[in-house]
PDB file of N, CA and C in Angstrom:
ATOM      1  N   MET A   1      58.919  46.365  90.705  1.00  0.00           N
ATOM      2  CA  MET A   1      60.318  45.527  91.758  1.00  0.00           C
ATOM      3  C   MET A   1      59.613  44.416  91.838  1.00  0.00           C
ATOM      4  N   SER A   2      59.834  43.491  91.417  1.00  0.00           N
ATOM      5  CA  SER A   2      60.008  42.238  92.820  1.00  0.00           C
ATOM      6  C   SER A   2      60.367  42.513  93.651  1.00  0.00           C
ATOM      7  N   ALA A   3      60.393  41.596  94.954  1.00  0.00           N
ATOM      8  CA  ALA A   3      60.685  41.584  96.431  1.00  0.00           C
ATOM      9  C   ALA A   3      62.241  41.499  95.973  1.00  0.00           C
ATOM     10  N   SER A   4      62.789  40.476  95.545  1.00  0.00           N
ATOM     11  CA  SER A   4      64.371  40.074  95.740  1.00  0.00           C
ATOM     12  C   SER A   4      65.257  40.907  95.033  1.00  0.00           C
ATOM     13  N   PRO A   5      65.192  41.737  93.924  1.00  0.00           N
ATOM     14  CA  PRO A   5      65.735  42.957  93.599  1.00  0.00           C
ATOM     15  C   PRO A   5      65.246  44.276  94.390  1.00  0.00           C
ATOM     16  N   CYS A   6      64.165  44.379  94.528  1.00  0.00           N
ATOM     17  CA  CYS A   6      63.826  45.406  96.113  1.00  0.00           C
ATOM     18  C   CYS A   6      65.075  45.687  97.121  1.00  0.00           C
ATOM     19  N   LEU A   7      64.866  44.404  97.765  1.00  0.00           N
ATOM     20  CA  LEU A   7      65.680  43.561  99.214  1.00  0.00           C
ATOM     21  C   LEU A   7      66.879  43.809  98.672  1.00  0.00           C
ATOM     22  N   ARG A   8      67.694  43.639  97.028  1.00  0.00           N
ATOM     23  CA  ARG A   8      68.858  44.217  97.087  1.00  0.00           C
ATOM     24  C   ARG A   8      69.838  45.134  97.202  1.00  0.00           C
ATOM     25  N   ARG A   9      68.408  46.065  96.176  1.00  0.00           N
ATOM     26  CA  ARG A   9      68.549  47.409  96.118  1.00  0.00           C
ATOM     27  C   ARG A   9      68.811  48.181  97.587  1.00  0.00           C
ATOM     28  N   VAL A  10      67.846  47.787  98.606  1.00  0.00           N
ATOM     29  CA  VAL A  10      67.496  48.379 100.114  1.00  0.00           C
ATOM     30  C   VAL A  10      68.623  48.095 100.844  1.00  0.00           C
ATOM     31  N   LYS A  11      69.210  46.980 100.738  1.00  0.00           N
ATOM     32  CA  LYS A  11      70.462  46.506 101.277  1.00  0.00           C
ATOM     33  C   LYS A  11      71.806  47.050 101.185  1.00  0.00           C
ATOM     34  N   ASN A  12      71.632  46.964  99.928  1.00  0.00           N
ATOM     35  CA  ASN A  12      72.877  48.354  98.770  1.00  0.00           C
ATOM     36  C   ASN A  12      72.961  49.772  99.494  1.00  0.00           C
ATOM     37  N   LEU A  13      71.356  50.845  99.532  1.00  0.00           N
ATOM     38  CA  LEU A  13      71.636  51.602 100.283  1.00  0.00           C
ATOM     39  C   LEU A  13      71.677  51.828 101.448  1.00  0.00           C
ATOM     40  N   GLU A  14      71.837  50.749 102.341  1.00  0.00           N
ATOM     41  CA  GLU A  14      72.354  50.360 103.639  1.00  0.00           C
ATOM     42  C   GLU A  14      73.474  50.556 104.004  1.00  0.00           C
ATOM     43  N   GLU A  15      74.101  49.062 102.629  1.00  0.00           N
ATOM     44  CA  GLU A  15      75.557  49.347 103.207  1.00  0.00           C
ATOM     45  C   GLU A  15      77.071  50.639 102.337  1.00  0.00           C
ATOM     46  N   THR A  16      75.898  50.996 101.628  1.00  0.00           N
ATOM     47  CA  THR A  16      75.976  52.543 101.482  1.00  0.00           C
ATOM     48  C   THR A  16      76.230  53.538 102.000  1.00  0.00           C
ATOM     49  N   GLY A  17      75.049  53.414 103.407  1.00  0.00           N
ATOM     50  CA  GLY A  17      75.376  54.525 104.584  1.00  0.00           C
ATOM     51  C   GLY A  17      73.984  55.221 103.453  1.00  0.00           C
ATOM     52  N   LEU A  18      73.569  55.383 102.551  1.00  0.00           N
ATOM     53  CA  LEU A  18      72.909  56.126 102.057  1.00  0.00           C
ATOM     54  C   LEU A  18      71.684  55.892 103.031  1.00  0.00           C
ATOM     55  N   ILE A  19      70.873  54.960 103.312  1.00  0.00           N
ATOM     56  CA  ILE A  19      70.088  54.787 104.844  1.00  0.00           C
ATOM     57  C   ILE A  19      70.657  54.740 105.429  1.00  0.00           C
ATOM     58  N   ASN A  20      70.482  55.809 106.559  1.00  0.00           N
ATOM     59  CA  ASN A  20      71.019  56.164 107.737  1.00  0.00           C
ATOM     60  C   ASN A  20      70.639  55.114 108.876  1.00  0.00           C
ATOM     61  N   ARG A  21      69.287  55.241 109.246  1.00  0.00           N
ATOM     62  CA  ARG A  21      68.647  54.772 110.152  1.00  0.00           C
ATOM     63  C   ARG A  21      66.576  54.671 109.485  1.00  0.00           C
ATOM     64  N   TYR A  22      65.968  53.836 110.307  1.00  0.00           N
ATOM     65  CA  TYR A  22      64.245  54.175 109.943  1.00  0.00           C
ATOM     66  C   TYR A  22      64.017  53.935 111.413  1.00  0.00           C
ATOM     67  N   VAL A  23      62.920  54.828 111.165  1.00  0.00           N
ATOM     68  CA  VAL A  23      62.241  55.498 112.173  1.00  0.00           C
ATOM     69  C   VAL A  23      60.609  55.199 111.541  1.00  0.00           C
ATOM     70  N   ALA A  24      59.685  55.951 112.932  1.00  0.00           N
ATOM     71  CA  ALA A  24      58.286  55.859 112.982  1.00  0.00           C
ATOM     72  C   ALA A  24      57.910  57.160 112.947  1.00  0.00           C
ATOM     73  N   LEU A  25      57.046  57.771 112.141  1.00  0.00           N
ATOM     74  CA  LEU A  25      57.246  59.150 112.290  1.00  0.00           C
ATOM     75  C   LEU A  25      55.614  59.499 113.632  1.00  0.00           C
ATOM     76  N   LEU A  26      56.282  59.569 114.747  1.00  0.00           N
ATOM     77  CA  LEU A  26      55.087  60.231 115.397  1.00  0.00           C
ATOM     78  C   LEU A  26      53.874  61.103 115.418  1.00  0.00           C
ATOM     79  N   ASP A  27      52.755  61.289 115.257  1.00  0.00           N
ATOM     80  CA  ASP A  27      52.349  62.754 115.547  1.00  0.00           C
ATOM     81  C   ASP A  27      51.664  63.470 117.017  1.00  0.00           C
ATOM     82  N   ARG A  28      52.593  64.671 116.776  1.00  0.00           N
ATOM     83  CA  ARG A  28      53.253  64.842 118.122  1.00  0.00           C
ATOM     84  C   ARG A  28      51.731  65.654 118.832  1.00  0.00           C
ATOM     85  N   LYS A  29      50.857  66.333 118.055  1.00  0.00           N
ATOM     86  CA  LYS A  29      49.766  66.662 118.606  1.00  0.00           C
ATOM     87  C   LYS A  29      49.122  65.769 119.087  1.00  0.00           C
ATOM     88  N   LYS A  30      48.730  64.084 118.942  1.00  0.00           N
ATOM     89  CA  LYS A  30      48.076  63.571 119.114  1.00  0.00           C
ATOM     90  C   LYS A  30      48.619  63.051 120.159  1.00  0.00           C
ATOM     91  N   LEU A  31      49.703  62.665 120.398  1.00  0.00           N
ATOM     92  CA  LEU A  31      50.608  62.485 121.105  1.00  0.00           C
ATOM     93  C   LEU A  31      50.816  63.427 122.932  1.00  0.00           C
ATOM     94  N   GLY A  32      50.295  64.723 122.738  1.00  0.00           N
ATOM     95  CA  GLY A  32      50.518  65.616 123.265  1.00  0.00           C
ATOM     96  C   GLY A  32      51.489  66.828 123.738  1.00  0.00           C
ATOM     97  N   PHE A  33      52.300  67.383 122.953  1.00  0.00           N
ATOM     98  CA  PHE A  33      53.073  67.992 122.381  1.00  0.00           C
ATOM     99  C   PHE A  33      52.530  69.214 121.082  1.00  0.00           C
ATOM    100  N   GLY A  34      51.528  69.748 122.605  1.00  0.00           N
ATOM    101  CA  GLY A  34      51.449  71.192 121.650  1.00  0.00           C
ATOM    102  C   GLY A  34      52.329  72.306 120.991  1.00  0.00           C
ATOM    103  N   LEU A  35      53.616  72.316 121.556  1.00  0.00           N
ATOM    104  CA  LEU A  35      54.054  73.619 121.889  1.00  0.00           C
ATOM    105  C   LEU A  35      55.705  73.078 120.806  1.00  0.00           C
ATOM    106  N   VAL A  36      56.116  73.671 119.476  1.00  0.00           N
ATOM    107  CA  VAL A  36      56.940  73.573 119.221  1.00  0.00           C
ATOM    108  C   VAL A  36      57.747  74.880 119.242  1.00  0.00           C
ATOM    109  N   ALA A  37      58.846  75.359 119.488  1.00  0.00           N
ATOM    110  CA  ALA A  37      59.974  76.058 119.825  1.00  0.00           C
ATOM    111  C   ALA A  37      61.069  75.834 119.457  1.00  0.00           C
ATOM    112  N   TYR A  38      61.445  76.798 118.637  1.00  0.00           N
ATOM    113  CA  TYR A  38      62.700  77.318 118.625  1.00  0.00           C
ATOM    114  C   TYR A  38      64.108  78.190 118.838  1.00  0.00           C
ATOM    115  N   VAL A  39      65.124  77.730 119.509  1.00  0.00           N
ATOM    116  CA  VAL A  39      65.892  78.048 120.608  1.00  0.00           C
ATOM    117  C   VAL A  39      67.647  78.149 119.992  1.00  0.00           C
ATOM    118  N   GLU A  40      67.504  79.811 120.215  1.00  0.00           N
ATOM    119  CA  GLU A  40      68.914  80.125 119.444  1.00  0.00           C
ATOM    120  C   GLU A  40      69.621  80.028 121.211  1.00  0.00           C
ATOM    121  N   VAL A  41      70.844  79.494 121.119  1.00  0.00           N
ATOM    122  CA  VAL A  41      71.781  79.196 122.115  1.00  0.00           C
ATOM    123  C   VAL A  41      73.061  79.793 121.368  1.00  0.00           C
ATOM    124  N   LYS A  42      73.092  80.726 123.647  1.00  0.00           N
ATOM    125  CA  LYS A  42      75.176  81.443 122.574  1.00  0.00           C
ATOM    126  C   LYS A  42      75.340  80.259 124.062  1.00  0.00           C
ATOM    127  N   VAL A  43      76.643  79.260 123.445  1.00  0.00           N
ATOM    128  CA  VAL A  43      77.698  79.358 124.179  1.00  0.00           C
ATOM    129  C   VAL A  43      79.245  79.703 123.672  1.00  0.00           C
ATOM    130  N   PRO A  44      79.687  80.112 124.781  1.00  0.00           N
ATOM    131  CA  PRO A  44      80.669  81.229 124.184  1.00  0.00           C
ATOM    132  C   PRO A  44      81.488  79.746 124.353  1.00  0.00           C
ATOM    133  N   GLN A  45      82.527  79.980 123.173  1.00  0.00           N
ATOM    134  CA  GLN A  45      83.618  78.707 122.765  1.00  0.00           C
ATOM    135  C   GLN A  45      84.847  79.007 123.019  1.00  0.00           C
ATOM    136  N   VAL A  46      85.773  78.634 124.381  1.00  0.00           N
ATOM    137  CA  VAL A  46      87.159  78.920 124.771  1.00  0.00           C
ATOM    138  C   VAL A  46      87.573  77.391 124.139  1.00  0.00           C
ATOM    139  N   ALA A  47      89.159  78.169 123.910  1.00  0.00           N
ATOM    140  CA  ALA A  47      90.079  76.801 123.277  1.00  0.00           C
ATOM    141  C   ALA A  47      90.595  76.453 124.479  1.00  0.00           C
ATOM    142  N   GLY A  48      90.254  75.788 124.903  1.00  0.00           N
ATOM    143  CA  GLY A  48      90.721  73.943 125.631  1.00  0.00           C
ATOM    144  C   GLY A  48      89.655  74.298 126.705  1.00  0.00           C
ATOM    145  N   ASP A  49      88.123  74.753 126.378  1.00  0.00           N
ATOM    146  CA  ASP A  49      87.203  74.506 127.240  1.00  0.00           C
ATOM    147  C   ASP A  49      86.335  73.212 126.672  1.00  0.00           C
ATOM    148  N   PRO A  50      86.047  72.511 127.731  1.00  0.00           N
ATOM    149  CA  PRO A  50      85.436  71.123 128.091  1.00  0.00           C
ATOM    150  C   PRO A  50      83.764  71.297 127.905  1.00  0.00           C
ATOM    151  N   VAL A  51      83.454  73.372 127.965  1.00  0.00           N
ATOM    152  CA  VAL A  51      81.948  73.394 128.098  1.00  0.00           C
ATOM    153  C   VAL A  51      81.301  72.853 127.181  1.00  0.00           C
ATOM    154  N   VAL A  52      82.086  73.239 125.761  1.00  0.00           N
ATOM    155  CA  VAL A  52      81.193  73.080 124.727  1.00  0.00           C
ATOM    156  C   VAL A  52      80.544  71.190 124.533  1.00  0.00           C
ATOM    157  N   GLU A  53      81.883  70.416 124.762  1.00  0.00           N
ATOM    158  CA  GLU A  53      81.494  68.133 124.352  1.00  0.00           C
ATOM    159  C   GLU A  53      80.728  68.845 125.608  1.00  0.00           C
ATOM    160  N   ARG A  54      80.475  69.341 126.793  1.00  0.00           N
ATOM    161  CA  ARG A  54      78.837  69.112 127.843  1.00  0.00           C
ATOM    162  C   ARG A  54      78.202  69.633 127.179  1.00  0.00           C
ATOM    163  N   PHE A  55      77.928  70.227 126.948  1.00  0.00           N
ATOM    164  CA  PHE A  55      76.876  71.345 126.209  1.00  0.00           C
ATOM    165  C   PHE A  55      76.517  69.902 125.471  1.00  0.00           C
ATOM    166  N   ASN A  56      76.842  69.122 124.234  1.00  0.00           N
ATOM    167  CA  ASN A  56      76.424  68.736 123.391  1.00  0.00           C
ATOM    168  C   ASN A  56      76.015  67.363 123.776  1.00  0.00           C
ATOM    169  N   GLU A  57      76.705  66.693 124.833  1.00  0.00           N
ATOM    170  CA  GLU A  57      76.297  65.536 125.346  1.00  0.00           C
ATOM    171  C   GLU A  57      75.008  65.907 126.300  1.00  0.00           C
ATOM    172  N   ALA A  58      74.810  66.913 126.849  1.00  0.00           N
ATOM    173  CA  ALA A  58      73.715  67.700 127.916  1.00  0.00           C
ATOM    174  C   ALA A  58      72.521  67.299 126.559  1.00  0.00           C
ATOM    175  N   VAL A  59      72.058  68.164 125.548  1.00  0.00           N
ATOM    176  CA  VAL A  59      71.432  68.068 124.737  1.00  0.00           C
ATOM    177  C   VAL A  59      70.838  66.854 124.273  1.00  0.00           C
ATOM    178  N   ARG A  60      72.088  65.700 123.890  1.00  0.00           N
ATOM    179  CA  ARG A  60      71.849  64.402 123.156  1.00  0.00           C
ATOM    180  C   ARG A  60      70.990  63.829 124.294  1.00  0.00           C
ATOM    181  N   LEU A  61      71.015  63.865 125.875  1.00  0.00           N
ATOM    182  CA  LEU A  61      70.113  63.637 126.887  1.00  0.00           C
ATOM    183  C   LEU A  61      69.126  63.423 127.342  1.00  0.00           C
ATOM    184  N   GLN A  62      68.616  64.932 126.131  1.00  0.00           N
ATOM    185  CA  GLN A  62      67.787  66.043 126.764  1.00  0.00           C
ATOM    186  C   GLN A  62      66.633  65.212 125.736  1.00  0.00           C
ATOM    187  N   PRO A  63      65.330  64.716 126.101  1.00  0.00           N
ATOM    188  CA  PRO A  63      64.678  64.245 125.189  1.00  0.00           C
ATOM    189  C   PRO A  63      63.583  65.368 124.245  1.00  0.00           C
ATOM    190  N   ALA A  64      63.291  65.909 125.912  1.00  0.00           N
ATOM    191  CA  ALA A  64      62.275  67.121 124.738  1.00  0.00           C
ATOM    192  C   ALA A  64      63.242  68.316 123.583  1.00  0.00           C
ATOM    193  N   ILE A  65      64.670  68.495 124.034  1.00  0.00           N
ATOM    194  CA  ILE A  65      65.209  68.263 122.086  1.00  0.00           C
ATOM    195  C   ILE A  65      65.611  67.399 121.400  1.00  0.00           C
ATOM    196  N   VAL A  66      65.111  68.239 120.194  1.00  0.00           N
ATOM    197  CA  VAL A  66      64.369  66.488 119.363  1.00  0.00           C
ATOM    198  C   VAL A  66      65.314  67.047 118.260  1.00  0.00           C
ATOM    199  N   ALA A  67      65.876  68.117 117.929  1.00  0.00           N
ATOM    200  CA  ALA A  67      66.698  68.728 117.368  1.00  0.00           C
ATOM    201  C   ALA A  67      67.892  69.234 117.096  1.00  0.00           C
ATOM    202  N   CYS A  68      69.316  69.763 117.051  1.00  0.00           N
ATOM    203  CA  CYS A  68      70.045  70.402 118.016  1.00  0.00           C
ATOM    204  C   CYS A  68      71.396  70.673 116.722  1.00  0.00           C
ATOM    205  N   TYR A  69      71.360  71.821 116.641  1.00  0.00           N
ATOM    206  CA  TYR A  69      72.435  72.957 115.021  1.00  0.00           C
ATOM    207  C   TYR A  69      73.640  73.080 115.300  1.00  0.00           C
ATOM    208  N   VAL A  70      75.002  73.113 115.532  1.00  0.00           N
ATOM    209  CA  VAL A  70      75.617  74.614 115.545  1.00  0.00           C
ATOM    210  C   VAL A  70      75.657  75.306 114.044  1.00  0.00           C
ATOM    211  N   THR A  71      75.618  76.233 114.558  1.00  0.00           N
ATOM    212  CA  THR A  71      74.662  77.854 114.001  1.00  0.00           C
ATOM    213  C   THR A  71      76.418  78.588 113.282  1.00  0.00           C
ATOM    214  N   ALA A  72      76.058  79.637 112.826  1.00  0.00           N
ATOM    215  CA  ALA A  72      76.931  80.592 112.067  1.00  0.00           C
ATOM    216  C   ALA A  72      75.922  82.437 112.675  1.00  0.00           C
ATOM    217  N   GLY A  73      76.087  82.894 113.524  1.00  0.00           N
ATOM    218  CA  GLY A  73      76.301  84.235 113.548  1.00  0.00           C
ATOM    219  C   GLY A  73      75.634  84.609 114.544  1.00  0.00           C
ATOM    220  N   GLN A  74      75.110  85.155 115.318  1.00  0.00           N
ATOM    221  CA  GLN A  74      74.575  85.786 116.929  1.00  0.00           C
ATOM    222  C   GLN A  74      75.063  84.631 117.826  1.00  0.00           C
ATOM    223  N   PHE A  75      74.055  83.446 117.575  1.00  0.00           N
ATOM    224  CA  PHE A  75      74.052  82.447 118.915  1.00  0.00           C
ATOM    225  C   PHE A  75      74.940  81.168 118.065  1.00  0.00           C
ATOM    226  N   ASP A  76      75.538  80.478 118.872  1.00  0.00           N
ATOM    227  CA  ASP A  76      76.157  79.068 118.502  1.00  0.00           C
ATOM    228  C   ASP A  76      74.812  78.225 117.694  1.00  0.00           C
ATOM    229  N   TYR A  77      74.487  77.971 118.531  1.00  0.00           N
ATOM    230  CA  TYR A  77      73.140  76.402 118.707  1.00  0.00           C
ATOM    231  C   TYR A  77      71.835  76.770 118.510  1.00  0.00           C
ATOM    232  N   LEU A  78      70.883  76.550 117.650  1.00  0.00           N
ATOM    233  CA  LEU A  78      69.725  76.113 117.268  1.00  0.00           C
ATOM    234  C   LEU A  78      68.546  74.961 117.757  1.00  0.00           C
ATOM    235  N   LEU A  79      68.364  75.110 118.740  1.00  0.00           N
ATOM    236  CA  LEU A  79      67.394  73.779 119.289  1.00  0.00           C
ATOM    237  C   LEU A  79      66.351  73.961 118.586  1.00  0.00           C
ATOM    238  N   LYS A  80      65.699  72.760 118.472  1.00  0.00           N
ATOM    239  CA  LYS A  80      64.099  72.508 117.823  1.00  0.00           C
ATOM    240  C   LYS A  80      63.294  71.503 119.307  1.00  0.00           C
ATOM    241  N   VAL A  81      62.658  71.925 120.060  1.00  0.00           N
ATOM    242  CA  VAL A  81      62.505  71.604 121.724  1.00  0.00           C
ATOM    243  C   VAL A  81      60.714  71.208 121.418  1.00  0.00           C
ATOM    244  N   VAL A  82      60.328  70.649 121.545  1.00  0.00           N
ATOM    245  CA  VAL A  82      58.405  70.104 122.210  1.00  0.00           C
ATOM    246  C   VAL A  82      58.221  69.865 123.403  1.00  0.00           C
ATOM    247  N   ALA A  83      57.144  70.118 123.786  1.00  0.00           N
ATOM    248  CA  ALA A  83      56.856  70.520 124.800  1.00  0.00           C
ATOM    249  C   ALA A  83      55.023  70.483 124.985  1.00  0.00           C
ATOM    250  N   ARG A  84      54.762  70.343 126.676  1.00  0.00           N
ATOM    251  CA  ARG A  84      53.190  69.703 125.690  1.00  0.00           C
ATOM    252  C   ARG A  84      52.489  71.406 125.715  1.00  0.00           C
ATOM    253  N   ASP A  85      53.172  72.192 126.041  1.00  0.00           N
ATOM    254  CA  ASP A  85      51.960  73.473 126.567  1.00  0.00           C
ATOM    255  C   ASP A  85      53.189  74.454 126.727  1.00  0.00           C
ATOM    256  N   MET A  86      52.830  75.785 126.931  1.00  0.00           N
ATOM    257  CA  MET A  86      53.788  77.110 126.811  1.00  0.00           C
ATOM    258  C   MET A  86      54.020  77.051 129.213  1.00  0.00           C
ATOM    259  N   GLU A  87      53.160  76.493 129.450  1.00  0.00           N
ATOM    260  CA  GLU A  87      53.626  76.382 131.202  1.00  0.00           C
ATOM    261  C   GLU A  87      54.745  75.070 131.302  1.00  0.00           C
ATOM    262  N   SER A  88      55.097  74.489 130.872  1.00  0.00           N
ATOM    263  CA  SER A  88      55.867  73.103 130.716  1.00  0.00           C
ATOM    264  C   SER A  88      57.112  73.578 129.605  1.00  0.00           C
ATOM    265  N   TYR A  89      56.781  74.411 128.643  1.00  0.00           N
ATOM    266  CA  TYR A  89      58.001  74.972 127.898  1.00  0.00           C
ATOM    267  C   TYR A  89      58.554  75.738 129.259  1.00  0.00           C
ATOM    268  N   ALA A  90      57.667  76.751 129.690  1.00  0.00           N
ATOM    269  CA  ALA A  90      58.579  77.526 130.908  1.00  0.00           C
ATOM    270  C   ALA A  90      59.453  77.162 131.823  1.00  0.00           C
ATOM    271  N   ARG A  91      58.755  75.775 132.370  1.00  0.00           N
ATOM    272  CA  ARG A  91      59.304  75.060 133.192  1.00  0.00           C
ATOM    273  C   ARG A  91      60.477  74.389 132.830  1.00  0.00           C
ATOM    274  N   LEU A  92      60.453  73.762 131.157  1.00  0.00           N
ATOM    275  CA  LEU A  92      61.482  73.622 130.616  1.00  0.00           C
ATOM    276  C   LEU A  92      63.004  74.559 130.585  1.00  0.00           C
ATOM    277  N   VAL A  93      62.568  75.593 129.811  1.00  0.00           N
ATOM    278  CA  VAL A  93      63.458  76.511 130.032  1.00  0.00           C
ATOM    279  C   VAL A  93      64.302  76.737 131.462  1.00  0.00           C
ATOM    280  N   GLN A  94      63.254  76.441 132.414  1.00  0.00           N
ATOM    281  CA  GLN A  94      64.026  77.207 133.568  1.00  0.00           C
ATOM    282  C   GLN A  94      64.982  76.146 134.657  1.00  0.00           C
ATOM    283  N   GLU A  95      64.084  74.839 133.976  1.00  0.00           N
ATOM    284  CA  GLU A  95      64.840  73.484 134.995  1.00  0.00           C
ATOM    285  C   GLU A  95      65.788  72.923 134.250  1.00  0.00           C
ATOM    286  N   VAL A  96      65.826  72.973 132.827  1.00  0.00           N
ATOM    287  CA  VAL A  96      66.676  72.327 132.300  1.00  0.00           C
ATOM    288  C   VAL A  96      67.698  73.677 131.149  1.00  0.00           C
ATOM    289  N   LEU A  97      67.021  73.608 130.248  1.00  0.00           N
ATOM    290  CA  LEU A  97      68.097  74.893 129.234  1.00  0.00           C
ATOM    291  C   LEU A  97      68.839  75.851 129.775  1.00  0.00           C
ATOM    292  N   LEU A  98      68.177  76.149 130.853  1.00  0.00           N
ATOM    293  CA  LEU A  98      69.882  77.980 131.365  1.00  0.00           C
ATOM    294  C   LEU A  98      69.805  76.880 131.971  1.00  0.00           C
ATOM    295  N   LYS A  99      70.085  75.661 132.358  1.00  0.00           N
ATOM    296  CA  LYS A  99      70.996  74.884 133.921  1.00  0.00           C
ATOM    297  C   LYS A  99      72.282  74.405 132.206  1.00  0.00           C
ATOM    298  N   LEU A 100      72.276  74.242 130.987  1.00  0.00           N
ATOM    299  CA  LEU A 100      72.561  73.251 130.120  1.00  0.00           C
ATOM    300  C   LEU A 100      74.437  74.097 130.887  1.00  0.00           C
ATOM    301  N   PRO A 101      75.309  73.082 130.383  1.00  0.00           N
ATOM    302  CA  PRO A 101      76.830  73.568 130.802  1.00  0.00           C
ATOM    303  C   PRO A 101      77.055  74.676 129.455  1.00  0.00           C
ATOM    304  N   GLY A 102      77.416  76.125 129.789  1.00  0.00           N
ATOM    305  CA  GLY A 102      77.990  77.179 128.932  1.00  0.00           C
ATOM    306  C   GLY A 102      76.924  77.951 128.776  1.00  0.00           C
ATOM    307  N   VAL A 103      75.274  77.528 129.282  1.00  0.00           N
ATOM    308  CA  VAL A 103      74.423  78.812 128.938  1.00  0.00           C
ATOM    309  C   VAL A 103      75.228  80.180 128.863  1.00  0.00           C
ATOM    310  N   ARG A 104      74.606  81.033 127.920  1.00  0.00           N
ATOM    311  CA  ARG A 104      74.843  82.289 128.280  1.00  0.00           C
ATOM    312  C   ARG A 104      73.500  83.247 127.946  1.00  0.00           C
ATOM    313  N   ASP A 105      73.447  82.585 126.854  1.00  0.00           N
ATOM    314  CA  ASP A 105      72.135  83.403 126.537  1.00  0.00           C
ATOM    315  C   ASP A 105      70.946  82.693 125.634  1.00  0.00           C
ATOM    316  N   THR A 106      69.559  82.626 125.880  1.00  0.00           N
ATOM    317  CA  THR A 106      69.191  82.123 125.010  1.00  0.00           C
ATOM    318  C   THR A 106      67.573  83.103 124.651  1.00  0.00           C
ATOM    319  N   ARG A 107      67.328  82.914 123.124  1.00  0.00           N
ATOM    320  CA  ARG A 107      66.050  82.927 122.224  1.00  0.00           C
ATOM    321  C   ARG A 107      65.087  82.252 122.285  1.00  0.00           C
ATOM    322  N   SER A 108      64.225  82.454 121.994  1.00  0.00           N
ATOM    323  CA  SER A 108      62.922  81.227 122.006  1.00  0.00           C
ATOM    324  C   SER A 108      61.908  82.058 120.369  1.00  0.00           C
ATOM    325  N   THR A 109      61.847  81.324 119.688  1.00  0.00           N
ATOM    326  CA  THR A 109      60.856  81.169 118.168  1.00  0.00           C
ATOM    327  C   THR A 109      59.608  80.667 118.441  1.00  0.00           C
ATOM    328  N   PHE A 110      58.268  80.502 118.945  1.00  0.00           N
ATOM    329  CA  PHE A 110      57.172  80.017 118.844  1.00  0.00           C
ATOM    330  C   PHE A 110      56.350  79.047 117.592  1.00  0.00           C
ATOM    331  N   VAL A 111      56.573  78.124 116.549  1.00  0.00           N
ATOM    332  CA  VAL A 111      55.409  78.086 115.835  1.00  0.00           C
ATOM    333  C   VAL A 111      53.716  77.911 116.218  1.00  0.00           C
ATOM    334  N   MET A 112      53.943  78.963 115.173  1.00  0.00           N
ATOM    335  CA  MET A 112      52.129  79.125 115.700  1.00  0.00           C
ATOM    336  C   MET A 112      51.500  78.384 114.766  1.00  0.00           C
ATOM    337  N   GLN A 113      51.888  78.075 113.693  1.00  0.00           N
ATOM    338  CA  GLN A 113      51.028  76.898 112.463  1.00  0.00           C
ATOM    339  C   GLN A 113      52.082  76.219 111.465  1.00  0.00           C
ATOM    340  N   THR A 114      51.676  75.226 111.519  1.00  0.00           N
ATOM    341  CA  THR A 114      53.022  74.340 110.012  1.00  0.00           C
ATOM    342  C   THR A 114      52.146  74.481 109.114  1.00  0.00           C
ATOM    343  N   ILE A 115      53.289  75.031 107.980  1.00  0.00           N
ATOM    344  CA  ILE A 115      53.154  74.992 106.480  1.00  0.00           C
ATOM    345  C   ILE A 115      53.402  74.070 106.164  1.00  0.00           C
ATOM    346  N   LYS A 116      54.656  73.459 106.129  1.00  0.00           N
ATOM    347  CA  LYS A 116      55.017  72.363 105.465  1.00  0.00           C
ATOM    348  C   LYS A 116      56.172  72.000 106.859  1.00  0.00           C
ATOM    349  N   ASP A 117      57.032  70.339 106.770  1.00  0.00           N
ATOM    350  CA  ASP A 117      57.207  69.820 107.976  1.00  0.00           C
ATOM    351  C   ASP A 117      58.044  68.423 107.244  1.00  0.00           C
ATOM    352  N   THR A 118      58.704  68.435 106.817  1.00  0.00           N
ATOM    353  CA  THR A 118      58.962  66.647 106.017  1.00  0.00           C
ATOM    354  C   THR A 118      60.227  66.679 106.698  1.00  0.00           C
ATOM    355  N   THR A 119      60.749  65.194 106.780  1.00  0.00           N
ATOM    356  CA  THR A 119      61.762  64.257 106.467  1.00  0.00           C
ATOM    357  C   THR A 119      62.795  64.369 105.196  1.00  0.00           C
ATOM    358  N   GLU A 120      61.632  64.495 104.407  1.00  0.00           N
ATOM    359  CA  GLU A 120      61.854  63.740 102.847  1.00  0.00           C
ATOM    360  C   GLU A 120      63.045  64.739 102.293  1.00  0.00           C
ATOM    361  N   LEU A 121      64.350  64.346 101.400  1.00  0.00           N
ATOM    362  CA  LEU A 121      65.113  65.375 100.993  1.00  0.00           C
ATOM    363  C   LEU A 121      64.907  65.127  99.780  1.00  0.00           C
ATOM    364  N   PRO A 122      65.151  65.857  98.725  1.00  0.00           N
ATOM    365  CA  PRO A 122      64.693  66.431  97.070  1.00  0.00           C
ATOM    366  C   PRO A 122      65.454  65.397  96.578  1.00  0.00           C
ATOM    367  N   LEU A 123      64.981  64.543  96.513  1.00  0.00           N
ATOM    368  CA  LEU A 123      65.869  63.510  95.687  1.00  0.00           C
ATOM    369  C   LEU A 123      66.316  63.905  94.019  1.00  0.00           C
ATOM    370  N   SER A 124      64.519  64.597  93.642  1.00  0.00           N
ATOM    371  CA  SER A 124      64.769  64.840  92.012  1.00  0.00           C
ATOM    372  C   SER A 124      65.403  65.949  91.604  1.00  0.00           C
ATOM    373  N   MET A 125      65.628  66.785  92.486  1.00  0.00           N
ATOM    374  CA  MET A 125      66.843  67.655  92.172  1.00  0.00           C
ATOM    375  C   MET A 125      68.135  66.969  92.486  1.00  0.00           C
ATOM    376  N   LEU A 126      68.607  65.712  92.519  1.00  0.00           N
ATOM    377  CA  LEU A 126      69.955  65.459  92.331  1.00  0.00           C
ATOM    378  C   LEU A 126      70.299  64.961  90.230  1.00  0.00           C
ATOM    379  N   GLY A 127      69.070  64.770  89.921  1.00  0.00           N
ATOM    380  CA  GLY A 127      68.860  63.712  88.694  1.00  0.00           C
ATOM    381  C   GLY A 127      69.001  62.279  88.624  1.00  0.00           C
ATOM    382  N   ARG A 128      68.820  61.813  89.968  1.00  0.00           N
ATOM    383  CA  ARG A 128      69.159  60.747  89.973  1.00  0.00           C
ATOM    384  C   ARG A 128      67.750  59.833  89.852  1.00  0.00           C
ATOM    385  N   ASP A 129      67.833  58.249  89.714  1.00  0.00           N
ATOM    386  CA  ASP A 129      67.054  57.730  89.811  1.00  0.00           C
ATOM    387  C   ASP A 129      66.065  57.293  90.754  1.00  0.00           C
TER     388      ASP A 129
END
């Protein structure tokens, strides 16, 4: 495909919202972030209590939290956190995570080896070109 039709197709994908944004994928290990943890967080949700929105905003502002999901089950949120090492992670937990608004309990799971980590979506499963 030549440049003009390709650019039109990309513009169309942007306009329809299929292309959400562009990012550079950096090598976290080469940058010194040797530890990845998934942290389950309990934030009791009471009707009319603004603590959930305060928690959400605090998470958005914390650079070490690279992903945050609302979940169903024993815990309310799942955070993906990066740190340089276990010592810096322990500091992050004590100084940041446990002080986030509404946090009642946390449970951490540490990544020991990455088998697959991608941002690609399985478009071939949709049956589209």
